[in-house]
Amino acid sequence: MRRVKPVTVDDAVACCPPLTSPDLSEANAEKMAAMFKALSDPIRLRLFSRVASHPEGEVCVCDIADVGVSQPTVSHHLRKLRESGLLVSERRGTWVFYRVPPEVMVAMSHMFA
């Protein structure tokens, strides 16, 4: 079992300042909009939640694919989550493992701080 480093505030990427900070840059607004757009789909939100809440910090696609849609549809939604930067993946043999980069959760929490 691979150990995941605990997330600290120092791990946060400077990409996404809190919404209460003045003057959100165009680049940051684009990045945040892409993240929210990806999470606006209920299937994507469920998949993201399953990955983010997994106790081992990462999960095989085979363990999260039962969300009521076909496997190609699950792959499509996971690709959208990867493209938005919310998930990263690693292929191991025939399976793909997904995880949420620690800086994503920290940045998202700071947006609403």
PDB file of N, CA and C in Angstrom:
ATOM      1  N   MET A   1       0.840  -1.175   0.000  1.00  0.00           N
ATOM      2  CA  MET A   1       0.000   0.000   0.000  1.00  0.00           C
ATOM      3  C   MET A   1       0.890   1.244   0.000  1.00  0.00           C
ATOM      4  N   ARG A   2       0.599   2.152  -0.881  1.00  0.00           N
ATOM      5  CA  ARG A   2       1.371   3.377  -0.979  1.00  0.00           C
ATOM      6  C   ARG A   2       0.815   4.410  -0.019  1.00  0.00           C
ATOM      7  N   ARG A   3       1.685   5.055   0.724  1.00  0.00           N
ATOM      8  CA  ARG A   3       1.271   6.079   1.679  1.00  0.00           C
ATOM      9  C   ARG A   3       1.186   7.426   0.958  1.00  0.00           C
ATOM     10  N   VAL A   4       0.168   8.174   1.275  1.00  0.00           N
ATOM     11  CA  VAL A   4      -0.034   9.485   0.685  1.00  0.00           C
ATOM     12  C   VAL A   4       0.356  10.530   1.703  1.00  0.00           C
ATOM     13  N   LYS A   5       1.168  11.500   1.273  1.00  0.00           N
ATOM     14  CA  LYS A   5       1.618  12.571   2.148  1.00  0.00           C
ATOM     15  C   LYS A   5       0.434  13.430   2.572  1.00  0.00           C
ATOM     16  N   PRO A   6       0.324  13.767   3.854  1.00  0.00           N
ATOM     17  CA  PRO A   6      -0.772  14.635   4.300  1.00  0.00           C
ATOM     18  C   PRO A   6      -0.687  15.996   3.607  1.00  0.00           C
ATOM     19  N   VAL A   7      -1.835  16.571   3.328  1.00  0.00           N
ATOM     20  CA  VAL A   7      -1.903  17.856   2.659  1.00  0.00           C
ATOM     21  C   VAL A   7      -1.781  18.965   3.681  1.00  0.00           C
ATOM     22  N   THR A   8      -0.964  19.962   3.358  1.00  0.00           N
ATOM     23  CA  THR A   8      -0.838  21.133   4.209  1.00  0.00           C
ATOM     24  C   THR A   8      -1.150  22.367   3.385  1.00  0.00           C
ATOM     25  N   VAL A   9      -1.375  23.468   4.050  1.00  0.00           N
ATOM     26  CA  VAL A   9      -1.651  24.721   3.361  1.00  0.00           C
ATOM     27  C   VAL A   9      -0.474  25.103   2.474  1.00  0.00           C
ATOM     28  N   ASP A  10       0.745  24.757   2.880  1.00  0.00           N
ATOM     29  CA  ASP A  10       1.919  25.085   2.084  1.00  0.00           C
ATOM     30  C   ASP A  10       1.930  24.362   0.747  1.00  0.00           C
ATOM     31  N   ASP A  11       1.151  23.287   0.604  1.00  0.00           N
ATOM     32  CA  ASP A  11       1.081  22.551  -0.648  1.00  0.00           C
ATOM     33  C   ASP A  11       0.205  23.237  -1.684  1.00  0.00           C
ATOM     34  N   ALA A  12      -0.552  24.227  -1.275  1.00  0.00           N
ATOM     35  CA  ALA A  12      -1.509  24.866  -2.177  1.00  0.00           C
ATOM     36  C   ALA A  12      -0.799  25.529  -3.346  1.00  0.00           C
ATOM     37  N   VAL A  13      -1.403  25.394  -4.496  1.00  0.00           N
ATOM     38  CA  VAL A  13      -0.897  26.058  -5.684  1.00  0.00           C
ATOM     39  C   VAL A  13      -1.434  27.469  -5.679  1.00  0.00           C
ATOM     40  N   ALA A  14      -0.623  28.412  -6.081  1.00  0.00           N
ATOM     41  CA  ALA A  14      -1.037  29.808  -6.071  1.00  0.00           C
ATOM     42  C   ALA A  14      -1.987  30.134  -7.214  1.00  0.00           C
ATOM     43  N   CYS A  15      -2.557  29.104  -7.830  1.00  0.00           N
ATOM     44  CA  CYS A  15      -3.433  29.320  -8.982  1.00  0.00           C
ATOM     45  C   CYS A  15      -4.781  29.879  -8.612  1.00  0.00           C
ATOM     46  N   CYS A  16      -5.258  29.569  -7.445  1.00  0.00           N
ATOM     47  CA  CYS A  16      -6.656  29.875  -7.143  1.00  0.00           C
ATOM     48  C   CYS A  16      -6.783  30.601  -5.815  1.00  0.00           C
ATOM     49  N   PRO A  17      -6.737  31.918  -5.840  1.00  0.00           N
ATOM     50  CA  PRO A  17      -6.890  32.658  -4.590  1.00  0.00           C
ATOM     51  C   PRO A  17      -8.323  32.561  -4.091  1.00  0.00           C
ATOM     52  N   PRO A  18      -8.552  32.835  -2.807  1.00  0.00           N
ATOM     53  CA  PRO A  18      -9.917  32.810  -2.285  1.00  0.00           C
ATOM     54  C   PRO A  18     -10.807  33.770  -3.072  1.00  0.00           C
ATOM     55  N   LEU A  19     -12.091  33.440  -3.165  1.00  0.00           N
ATOM     56  CA  LEU A  19     -13.020  34.301  -3.885  1.00  0.00           C
ATOM     57  C   LEU A  19     -13.160  35.658  -3.223  1.00  0.00           C
ATOM     58  N   THR A  20     -12.805  35.740  -1.952  1.00  0.00           N
ATOM     59  CA  THR A  20     -12.902  37.008  -1.242  1.00  0.00           C
ATOM     60  C   THR A  20     -11.715  37.916  -1.512  1.00  0.00           C
ATOM     61  N   SER A  21     -10.663  37.382  -2.141  1.00  0.00           N
ATOM     62  CA  SER A  21      -9.522  38.238  -2.446  1.00  0.00           C
ATOM     63  C   SER A  21      -9.884  39.142  -3.611  1.00  0.00           C
ATOM     64  N   PRO A  22      -9.340  40.340  -3.624  1.00  0.00           N
ATOM     65  CA  PRO A  22      -9.695  41.270  -4.687  1.00  0.00           C
ATOM     66  C   PRO A  22      -9.088  40.861  -6.029  1.00  0.00           C
ATOM     67  N   ASP A  23      -9.779  41.212  -7.065  1.00  0.00           N
ATOM     68  CA  ASP A  23      -9.262  41.121  -8.425  1.00  0.00           C
ATOM     69  C   ASP A  23      -8.810  39.718  -8.832  1.00  0.00           C
ATOM     70  N   LEU A  24      -9.751  38.879  -9.152  1.00  0.00           N
ATOM     71  CA  LEU A  24      -9.475  37.548  -9.675  1.00  0.00           C
ATOM     72  C   LEU A  24      -8.952  37.699 -11.098  1.00  0.00           C
ATOM     73  N   SER A  25      -7.776  37.173 -11.360  1.00  0.00           N
ATOM     74  CA  SER A  25      -7.188  37.327 -12.697  1.00  0.00           C
ATOM     75  C   SER A  25      -7.974  36.520 -13.725  1.00  0.00           C
ATOM     76  N   GLU A  26      -7.819  36.887 -14.980  1.00  0.00           N
ATOM     77  CA  GLU A  26      -8.518  36.181 -16.052  1.00  0.00           C
ATOM     78  C   GLU A  26      -8.086  34.716 -16.104  1.00  0.00           C
ATOM     79  N   ALA A  27      -6.792  34.456 -15.947  1.00  0.00           N
ATOM     80  CA  ALA A  27      -6.277  33.081 -15.989  1.00  0.00           C
ATOM     81  C   ALA A  27      -6.847  32.244 -14.848  1.00  0.00           C
ATOM     82  N   ASN A  28      -6.883  32.810 -13.633  1.00  0.00           N
ATOM     83  CA  ASN A  28      -7.437  32.089 -12.489  1.00  0.00           C
ATOM     84  C   ASN A  28      -8.929  31.850 -12.650  1.00  0.00           C
ATOM     85  N   ALA A  29      -9.627  32.831 -13.197  1.00  0.00           N
ATOM     86  CA  ALA A  29     -11.060  32.676 -13.428  1.00  0.00           C
ATOM     87  C   ALA A  29     -11.324  31.563 -14.439  1.00  0.00           C
ATOM     88  N   GLU A  30     -10.503  31.475 -15.481  1.00  0.00           N
ATOM     89  CA  GLU A  30     -10.654  30.412 -16.482  1.00  0.00           C
ATOM     90  C   GLU A  30     -10.427  29.038 -15.850  1.00  0.00           C
ATOM     91  N   LYS A  31      -9.385  28.940 -15.032  1.00  0.00           N
ATOM     92  CA  LYS A  31      -9.067  27.659 -14.398  1.00  0.00           C
ATOM     93  C   LYS A  31     -10.174  27.243 -13.430  1.00  0.00           C
ATOM     94  N   MET A  32     -10.652  28.185 -12.637  1.00  0.00           N
ATOM     95  CA  MET A  32     -11.710  27.874 -11.680  1.00  0.00           C
ATOM     96  C   MET A  32     -13.002  27.503 -12.409  1.00  0.00           C
ATOM     97  N   ALA A  33     -13.318  28.206 -13.488  1.00  0.00           N
ATOM     98  CA  ALA A  33     -14.532  27.909 -14.252  1.00  0.00           C
ATOM     99  C   ALA A  33     -14.473  26.502 -14.835  1.00  0.00           C
ATOM    100  N   ALA A  34     -13.298  26.094 -15.317  1.00  0.00           N
ATOM    101  CA  ALA A  34     -13.151  24.740 -15.867  1.00  0.00           C
ATOM    102  C   ALA A  34     -13.370  23.688 -14.781  1.00  0.00           C
ATOM    103  N   MET A  35     -12.871  23.937 -13.579  1.00  0.00           N
ATOM    104  CA  MET A  35     -13.061  23.001 -12.478  1.00  0.00           C
ATOM    105  C   MET A  35     -14.544  22.907 -12.110  1.00  0.00           C
ATOM    106  N   PHE A  36     -15.203  24.053 -11.979  1.00  0.00           N
ATOM    107  CA  PHE A  36     -16.622  24.041 -11.620  1.00  0.00           C
ATOM    108  C   PHE A  36     -17.468  23.425 -12.727  1.00  0.00           C
ATOM    109  N   LYS A  37     -17.113  23.694 -13.967  1.00  0.00           N
ATOM    110  CA  LYS A  37     -17.858  23.113 -15.084  1.00  0.00           C
ATOM    111  C   LYS A  37     -17.753  21.587 -15.052  1.00  0.00           C
ATOM    112  N   ALA A  38     -16.542  21.090 -14.793  1.00  0.00           N
ATOM    113  CA  ALA A  38     -16.353  19.638 -14.724  1.00  0.00           C
ATOM    114  C   ALA A  38     -17.165  19.033 -13.589  1.00  0.00           C
ATOM    115  N   LEU A  39     -17.276  19.728 -12.483  1.00  0.00           N
ATOM    116  CA  LEU A  39     -18.012  19.210 -11.333  1.00  0.00           C
ATOM    117  C   LEU A  39     -19.514  19.459 -11.413  1.00  0.00           C
ATOM    118  N   SER A  40     -19.963  20.180 -12.432  1.00  0.00           N
ATOM    119  CA  SER A  40     -21.393  20.496 -12.525  1.00  0.00           C
ATOM    120  C   SER A  40     -22.237  19.309 -12.993  1.00  0.00           C
ATOM    121  N   ASP A  41     -21.608  18.266 -13.484  1.00  0.00           N
ATOM    122  CA  ASP A  41     -22.330  17.065 -13.900  1.00  0.00           C
ATOM    123  C   ASP A  41     -22.445  16.120 -12.704  1.00  0.00           C
ATOM    124  N   PRO A  42     -23.632  15.602 -12.415  1.00  0.00           N
ATOM    125  CA  PRO A  42     -23.805  14.728 -11.240  1.00  0.00           C
ATOM    126  C   PRO A  42     -22.936  13.466 -11.274  1.00  0.00           C
ATOM    127  N   ILE A  43     -22.738  12.868 -12.437  1.00  0.00           N
ATOM    128  CA  ILE A  43     -21.898  11.670 -12.526  1.00  0.00           C
ATOM    129  C   ILE A  43     -20.450  12.034 -12.214  1.00  0.00           C
ATOM    130  N   ARG A  44     -19.974  13.145 -12.769  1.00  0.00           N
ATOM    131  CA  ARG A  44     -18.597  13.575 -12.503  1.00  0.00           C
ATOM    132  C   ARG A  44     -18.412  13.915 -11.040  1.00  0.00           C
ATOM    133  N   LEU A  45     -19.393  14.552 -10.450  1.00  0.00           N
ATOM    134  CA  LEU A  45     -19.300  14.891  -9.029  1.00  0.00           C
ATOM    135  C   LEU A  45     -19.232  13.629  -8.178  1.00  0.00           C
ATOM    136  N   ARG A  46     -20.015  12.622  -8.520  1.00  0.00           N
ATOM    137  CA  ARG A  46     -19.964  11.347  -7.787  1.00  0.00           C
ATOM    138  C   ARG A  46     -18.613  10.666  -7.968  1.00  0.00           C
ATOM    139  N   LEU A  47     -18.100  10.646  -9.201  1.00  0.00           N
ATOM    140  CA  LEU A  47     -16.791  10.024  -9.446  1.00  0.00           C
ATOM    141  C   LEU A  47     -15.691  10.760  -8.691  1.00  0.00           C
ATOM    142  N   PHE A  48     -15.714  12.085  -8.748  1.00  0.00           N
ATOM    143  CA  PHE A  48     -14.721  12.881  -8.029  1.00  0.00           C
ATOM    144  C   PHE A  48     -14.791  12.598  -6.535  1.00  0.00           C
ATOM    145  N   SER A  49     -16.003  12.542  -5.998  1.00  0.00           N
ATOM    146  CA  SER A  49     -16.186  12.272  -4.581  1.00  0.00           C
ATOM    147  C   SER A  49     -15.628  10.904  -4.194  1.00  0.00           C
ATOM    148  N   ARG A  50     -15.870   9.911  -5.034  1.00  0.00           N
ATOM    149  CA  ARG A  50     -15.359   8.563  -4.740  1.00  0.00           C
ATOM    150  C   ARG A  50     -13.833   8.532  -4.726  1.00  0.00           C
ATOM    151  N   VAL A  51     -13.224   9.243  -5.659  1.00  0.00           N
ATOM    152  CA  VAL A  51     -11.761   9.274  -5.695  1.00  0.00           C
ATOM    153  C   VAL A  51     -11.227  10.066  -4.498  1.00  0.00           C
ATOM    154  N   ALA A  52     -11.789  11.250  -4.270  1.00  0.00           N
ATOM    155  CA  ALA A  52     -11.290  12.131  -3.204  1.00  0.00           C
ATOM    156  C   ALA A  52     -11.463  11.525  -1.819  1.00  0.00           C
ATOM    157  N   SER A  53     -12.495  10.730  -1.624  1.00  0.00           N
ATOM    158  CA  SER A  53     -12.760  10.187  -0.286  1.00  0.00           C
ATOM    159  C   SER A  53     -12.176   8.798  -0.071  1.00  0.00           C
ATOM    160  N   HIS A  54     -11.499   8.262  -1.059  1.00  0.00           N
ATOM    161  CA  HIS A  54     -10.960   6.904  -0.900  1.00  0.00           C
ATOM    162  C   HIS A  54      -9.861   6.902   0.159  1.00  0.00           C
ATOM    163  N   PRO A  55      -9.916   5.975   1.104  1.00  0.00           N
ATOM    164  CA  PRO A  55      -8.961   5.977   2.221  1.00  0.00           C
ATOM    165  C   PRO A  55      -7.506   5.783   1.810  1.00  0.00           C
ATOM    166  N   GLU A  56      -7.259   5.156   0.685  1.00  0.00           N
ATOM    167  CA  GLU A  56      -5.872   4.932   0.265  1.00  0.00           C
ATOM    168  C   GLU A  56      -5.312   6.094  -0.556  1.00  0.00           C
ATOM    169  N   GLY A  57      -6.129   7.100  -0.837  1.00  0.00           N
ATOM    170  CA  GLY A  57      -5.649   8.257  -1.573  1.00  0.00           C
ATOM    171  C   GLY A  57      -5.709   8.104  -3.080  1.00  0.00           C
ATOM    172  N   GLU A  58      -5.913   6.896  -3.541  1.00  0.00           N
ATOM    173  CA  GLU A  58      -6.074   6.643  -4.971  1.00  0.00           C
ATOM    174  C   GLU A  58      -6.974   5.430  -5.129  1.00  0.00           C
ATOM    175  N   VAL A  59      -7.564   5.302  -6.312  1.00  0.00           N
ATOM    176  CA  VAL A  59      -8.507   4.220  -6.523  1.00  0.00           C
ATOM    177  C   VAL A  59      -8.437   3.745  -7.964  1.00  0.00           C
ATOM    178  N   CYS A  60      -8.608   2.453  -8.136  1.00  0.00           N
ATOM    179  CA  CYS A  60      -8.653   1.854  -9.462  1.00  0.00           C
ATOM    180  C   CYS A  60     -10.001   2.173 -10.096  1.00  0.00           C
ATOM    181  N   VAL A  61      -9.987   2.412 -11.387  1.00  0.00           N
ATOM    182  CA  VAL A  61     -11.228   2.698 -12.092  1.00  0.00           C
ATOM    183  C   VAL A  61     -12.226   1.557 -11.918  1.00  0.00           C
ATOM    184  N   CYS A  62     -11.743   0.356 -11.765  1.00  0.00           N
ATOM    185  CA  CYS A  62     -12.644  -0.791 -11.590  1.00  0.00           C
ATOM    186  C   CYS A  62     -13.449  -0.703 -10.299  1.00  0.00           C
ATOM    187  N   ASP A  63     -12.977   0.061  -9.326  1.00  0.00           N
ATOM    188  CA  ASP A  63     -13.670   0.179  -8.042  1.00  0.00           C
ATOM    189  C   ASP A  63     -14.641   1.346  -7.965  1.00  0.00           C
ATOM    190  N   ILE A  64     -14.672   2.206  -8.981  1.00  0.00           N
ATOM    191  CA  ILE A  64     -15.550   3.374  -8.925  1.00  0.00           C
ATOM    192  C   ILE A  64     -16.500   3.453 -10.112  1.00  0.00           C
ATOM    193  N   ALA A  65     -16.474   2.482 -11.007  1.00  0.00           N
ATOM    194  CA  ALA A  65     -17.218   2.560 -12.265  1.00  0.00           C
ATOM    195  C   ALA A  65     -18.709   2.276 -12.124  1.00  0.00           C
ATOM    196  N   ASP A  66     -19.168   1.866 -10.953  1.00  0.00           N
ATOM    197  CA  ASP A  66     -20.580   1.512 -10.779  1.00  0.00           C
ATOM    198  C   ASP A  66     -21.424   2.723 -10.367  1.00  0.00           C
ATOM    199  N   VAL A  67     -21.560   3.663 -11.285  1.00  0.00           N
ATOM    200  CA  VAL A  67     -22.334   4.870 -11.006  1.00  0.00           C
ATOM    201  C   VAL A  67     -23.595   4.946 -11.866  1.00  0.00           C
ATOM    202  N   GLY A  68     -23.997   3.813 -12.440  1.00  0.00           N
ATOM    203  CA  GLY A  68     -25.253   3.757 -13.168  1.00  0.00           C
ATOM    204  C   GLY A  68     -25.182   4.113 -14.638  1.00  0.00           C
ATOM    205  N   VAL A  69     -23.967   4.232 -15.171  1.00  0.00           N
ATOM    206  CA  VAL A  69     -23.806   4.501 -16.600  1.00  0.00           C
ATOM    207  C   VAL A  69     -22.810   3.493 -17.174  1.00  0.00           C
ATOM    208  N   SER A  70     -22.719   3.428 -18.485  1.00  0.00           N
ATOM    209  CA  SER A  70     -21.838   2.456 -19.133  1.00  0.00           C
ATOM    210  C   SER A  70     -20.367   2.798 -18.905  1.00  0.00           C
ATOM    211  N   GLN A  71     -19.509   1.803 -19.098  1.00  0.00           N
ATOM    212  CA  GLN A  71     -18.060   1.998 -18.920  1.00  0.00           C
ATOM    213  C   GLN A  71     -17.513   3.083 -19.847  1.00  0.00           C
ATOM    214  N   PRO A  72     -17.914   3.135 -21.131  1.00  0.00           N
ATOM    215  CA  PRO A  72     -17.411   4.231 -21.970  1.00  0.00           C
ATOM    216  C   PRO A  72     -17.824   5.612 -21.450  1.00  0.00           C
ATOM    217  N   THR A  73     -19.010   5.699 -20.855  1.00  0.00           N
ATOM    218  CA  THR A  73     -19.459   6.973 -20.300  1.00  0.00           C
ATOM    219  C   THR A  73     -18.647   7.341 -19.065  1.00  0.00           C
ATOM    220  N   VAL A  74     -18.333   6.361 -18.230  1.00  0.00           N
ATOM    221  CA  VAL A  74     -17.469   6.603 -17.071  1.00  0.00           C
ATOM    222  C   VAL A  74     -16.111   7.110 -17.546  1.00  0.00           C
ATOM    223  N   SER A  75     -15.547   6.478 -18.564  1.00  0.00           N
ATOM    224  CA  SER A  75     -14.251   6.908 -19.104  1.00  0.00           C
ATOM    225  C   SER A  75     -14.314   8.338 -19.612  1.00  0.00           C
ATOM    226  N   HIS A  76     -15.405   8.688 -20.277  1.00  0.00           N
ATOM    227  CA  HIS A  76     -15.590  10.053 -20.780  1.00  0.00           C
ATOM    228  C   HIS A  76     -15.579  11.055 -19.629  1.00  0.00           C
ATOM    229  N   HIS A  77     -16.328  10.757 -18.572  1.00  0.00           N
ATOM    230  CA  HIS A  77     -16.403  11.668 -17.435  1.00  0.00           C
ATOM    231  C   HIS A  77     -15.068  11.767 -16.700  1.00  0.00           C
ATOM    232  N   LEU A  78     -14.370  10.656 -16.552  1.00  0.00           N
ATOM    233  CA  LEU A  78     -13.053  10.698 -15.903  1.00  0.00           C
ATOM    234  C   LEU A  78     -12.068  11.518 -16.736  1.00  0.00           C
ATOM    235  N   ARG A  79     -12.171  11.416 -18.060  1.00  0.00           N
ATOM    236  CA  ARG A  79     -11.298  12.212 -18.937  1.00  0.00           C
ATOM    237  C   ARG A  79     -11.569  13.703 -18.733  1.00  0.00           C
ATOM    238  N   LYS A  80     -12.839  14.082 -18.626  1.00  0.00           N
ATOM    239  CA  LYS A  80     -13.186  15.485 -18.392  1.00  0.00           C
ATOM    240  C   LYS A  80     -12.631  15.981 -17.050  1.00  0.00           C
ATOM    241  N   LEU A  81     -12.685  15.129 -16.039  1.00  0.00           N
ATOM    242  CA  LEU A  81     -12.124  15.500 -14.731  1.00  0.00           C
ATOM    243  C   LEU A  81     -10.604  15.648 -14.803  1.00  0.00           C
ATOM    244  N   ARG A  82      -9.950  14.782 -15.579  1.00  0.00           N
ATOM    245  CA  ARG A  82      -8.495  14.902 -15.767  1.00  0.00           C
ATOM    246  C   ARG A  82      -8.153  16.178 -16.528  1.00  0.00           C
ATOM    247  N   GLU A  83      -8.879  16.449 -17.591  1.00  0.00           N
ATOM    248  CA  GLU A  83      -8.607  17.634 -18.411  1.00  0.00           C
ATOM    249  C   GLU A  83      -8.777  18.932 -17.625  1.00  0.00           C
ATOM    250  N   SER A  84      -9.670  18.924 -16.662  1.00  0.00           N
ATOM    251  CA  SER A  84      -9.889  20.125 -15.853  1.00  0.00           C
ATOM    252  C   SER A  84      -8.848  20.264 -14.742  1.00  0.00           C
ATOM    253  N   GLY A  85      -8.023  19.231 -14.540  1.00  0.00           N
ATOM    254  CA  GLY A  85      -6.993  19.272 -13.504  1.00  0.00           C
ATOM    255  C   GLY A  85      -7.448  18.761 -12.159  1.00  0.00           C
ATOM    256  N   LEU A  86      -8.678  18.257 -12.079  1.00  0.00           N
ATOM    257  CA  LEU A  86      -9.193  17.775 -10.800  1.00  0.00           C
ATOM    258  C   LEU A  86      -8.682  16.389 -10.435  1.00  0.00           C
ATOM    259  N   LEU A  87      -8.313  15.588 -11.421  1.00  0.00           N
ATOM    260  CA  LEU A  87      -7.786  14.246 -11.187  1.00  0.00           C
ATOM    261  C   LEU A  87      -6.501  14.052 -11.974  1.00  0.00           C
ATOM    262  N   VAL A  88      -5.664  13.178 -11.467  1.00  0.00           N
ATOM    263  CA  VAL A  88      -4.516  12.678 -12.227  1.00  0.00           C
ATOM    264  C   VAL A  88      -4.651  11.161 -12.264  1.00  0.00           C
ATOM    265  N   SER A  89      -4.067  10.564 -13.292  1.00  0.00           N
ATOM    266  CA  SER A  89      -4.203   9.117 -13.440  1.00  0.00           C
ATOM    267  C   SER A  89      -2.854   8.484 -13.746  1.00  0.00           C
ATOM    268  N   GLU A  90      -2.794   7.191 -13.475  1.00  0.00           N
ATOM    269  CA  GLU A  90      -1.590   6.408 -13.746  1.00  0.00           C
ATOM    270  C   GLU A  90      -2.023   5.019 -14.191  1.00  0.00           C
ATOM    271  N   ARG A  91      -1.545   4.601 -15.354  1.00  0.00           N
ATOM    272  CA  ARG A  91      -1.863   3.272 -15.856  1.00  0.00           C
ATOM    273  C   ARG A  91      -0.903   2.264 -15.231  1.00  0.00           C
ATOM    274  N   ARG A  92      -1.467   1.167 -14.725  1.00  0.00           N
ATOM    275  CA  ARG A  92      -0.687   0.055 -14.176  1.00  0.00           C
ATOM    276  C   ARG A  92      -1.236  -1.217 -14.796  1.00  0.00           C
ATOM    277  N   GLY A  93      -0.533  -1.721 -15.774  1.00  0.00           N
ATOM    278  CA  GLY A  93      -1.019  -2.889 -16.497  1.00  0.00           C
ATOM    279  C   GLY A  93      -2.258  -2.513 -17.276  1.00  0.00           C
ATOM    280  N   THR A  94      -3.339  -3.232 -17.051  1.00  0.00           N
ATOM    281  CA  THR A  94      -4.574  -2.940 -17.773  1.00  0.00           C
ATOM    282  C   THR A  94      -5.488  -1.972 -17.028  1.00  0.00           C
ATOM    283  N   TRP A  95      -5.143  -1.618 -15.792  1.00  0.00           N
ATOM    284  CA  TRP A  95      -5.998  -0.752 -14.985  1.00  0.00           C
ATOM    285  C   TRP A  95      -5.430   0.652 -14.888  1.00  0.00           C
ATOM    286  N   VAL A  96      -6.321   1.602 -14.686  1.00  0.00           N
ATOM    287  CA  VAL A  96      -5.932   2.990 -14.480  1.00  0.00           C
ATOM    288  C   VAL A  96      -6.334   3.383 -13.065  1.00  0.00           C
ATOM    289  N   PHE A  97      -5.401   3.984 -12.351  1.00  0.00           N
ATOM    290  CA  PHE A  97      -5.636   4.448 -10.989  1.00  0.00           C
ATOM    291  C   PHE A  97      -5.743   5.963 -10.993  1.00  0.00           C
ATOM    292  N   TYR A  98      -6.707   6.479 -10.229  1.00  0.00           N
ATOM    293  CA  TYR A  98      -6.972   7.912 -10.171  1.00  0.00           C
ATOM    294  C   TYR A  98      -6.745   8.425  -8.763  1.00  0.00           C
ATOM    295  N   ARG A  99      -6.311   9.682  -8.693  1.00  0.00           N
ATOM    296  CA  ARG A  99      -6.173  10.352  -7.410  1.00  0.00           C
ATOM    297  C   ARG A  99      -6.396  11.843  -7.614  1.00  0.00           C
ATOM    298  N   VAL A 100      -6.728  12.511  -6.535  1.00  0.00           N
ATOM    299  CA  VAL A 100      -6.885  13.958  -6.550  1.00  0.00           C
ATOM    300  C   VAL A 100      -5.572  14.545  -6.055  1.00  0.00           C
ATOM    301  N   PRO A 101      -4.920  15.383  -6.852  1.00  0.00           N
ATOM    302  CA  PRO A 101      -3.682  15.996  -6.363  1.00  0.00           C
ATOM    303  C   PRO A 101      -3.961  16.815  -5.102  1.00  0.00           C
ATOM    304  N   PRO A 102      -3.110  16.720  -4.095  1.00  0.00           N
ATOM    305  CA  PRO A 102      -3.360  17.441  -2.834  1.00  0.00           C
ATOM    306  C   PRO A 102      -3.586  18.935  -3.039  1.00  0.00           C
ATOM    307  N   GLU A 103      -2.874  19.522  -3.969  1.00  0.00           N
ATOM    308  CA  GLU A 103      -3.014  20.964  -4.173  1.00  0.00           C
ATOM    309  C   GLU A 103      -4.404  21.346  -4.682  1.00  0.00           C
ATOM    310  N   VAL A 104      -5.101  20.423  -5.326  1.00  0.00           N
ATOM    311  CA  VAL A 104      -6.456  20.710  -5.819  1.00  0.00           C
ATOM    312  C   VAL A 104      -7.402  20.901  -4.648  1.00  0.00           C
ATOM    313  N   MET A 105      -7.373  19.997  -3.693  1.00  0.00           N
ATOM    314  CA  MET A 105      -8.268  20.111  -2.544  1.00  0.00           C
ATOM    315  C   MET A 105      -7.948  21.375  -1.731  1.00  0.00           C
ATOM    316  N   VAL A 106      -6.684  21.675  -1.565  1.00  0.00           N
ATOM    317  CA  VAL A 106      -6.298  22.872  -0.815  1.00  0.00           C
ATOM    318  C   VAL A 106      -6.758  24.122  -1.559  1.00  0.00           C
ATOM    319  N   ALA A 107      -6.517  24.170  -2.871  1.00  0.00           N
ATOM    320  CA  ALA A 107      -6.927  25.327  -3.654  1.00  0.00           C
ATOM    321  C   ALA A 107      -8.445  25.496  -3.643  1.00  0.00           C
ATOM    322  N   MET A 108      -9.176  24.391  -3.771  1.00  0.00           N
ATOM    323  CA  MET A 108     -10.633  24.481  -3.751  1.00  0.00           C
ATOM    324  C   MET A 108     -11.135  24.976  -2.395  1.00  0.00           C
ATOM    325  N   SER A 109     -10.533  24.501  -1.321  1.00  0.00           N
ATOM    326  CA  SER A 109     -10.981  24.954   0.000  1.00  0.00           C
ATOM    327  C   SER A 109     -10.659  26.421   0.215  1.00  0.00           C
ATOM    328  N   HIS A 110      -9.546  26.893  -0.344  1.00  0.00           N
ATOM    329  CA  HIS A 110      -9.194  28.308  -0.183  1.00  0.00           C
ATOM    330  C   HIS A 110     -10.096  29.219  -1.013  1.00  0.00           C
ATOM    331  N   MET A 111     -10.667  28.702  -2.086  1.00  0.00           N
ATOM    332  CA  MET A 111     -11.566  29.524  -2.898  1.00  0.00           C
ATOM    333  C   MET A 111     -12.763  29.974  -2.091  1.00  0.00           C
ATOM    334  N   PHE A 112     -13.198  29.139  -1.158  1.00  0.00           N
ATOM    335  CA  PHE A 112     -14.389  29.446  -0.375  1.00  0.00           C
ATOM    336  C   PHE A 112     -14.074  29.918   1.035  1.00  0.00           C
ATOM    337  N   ALA A 113     -12.784  30.062   1.332  1.00  0.00           N
ATOM    338  CA  ALA A 113     -12.387  30.488   2.686  1.00  0.00           C
ATOM    339  C   ALA A 113     -12.795  31.937   2.947  1.00  0.00           C
TER     340      ALA A 113
END
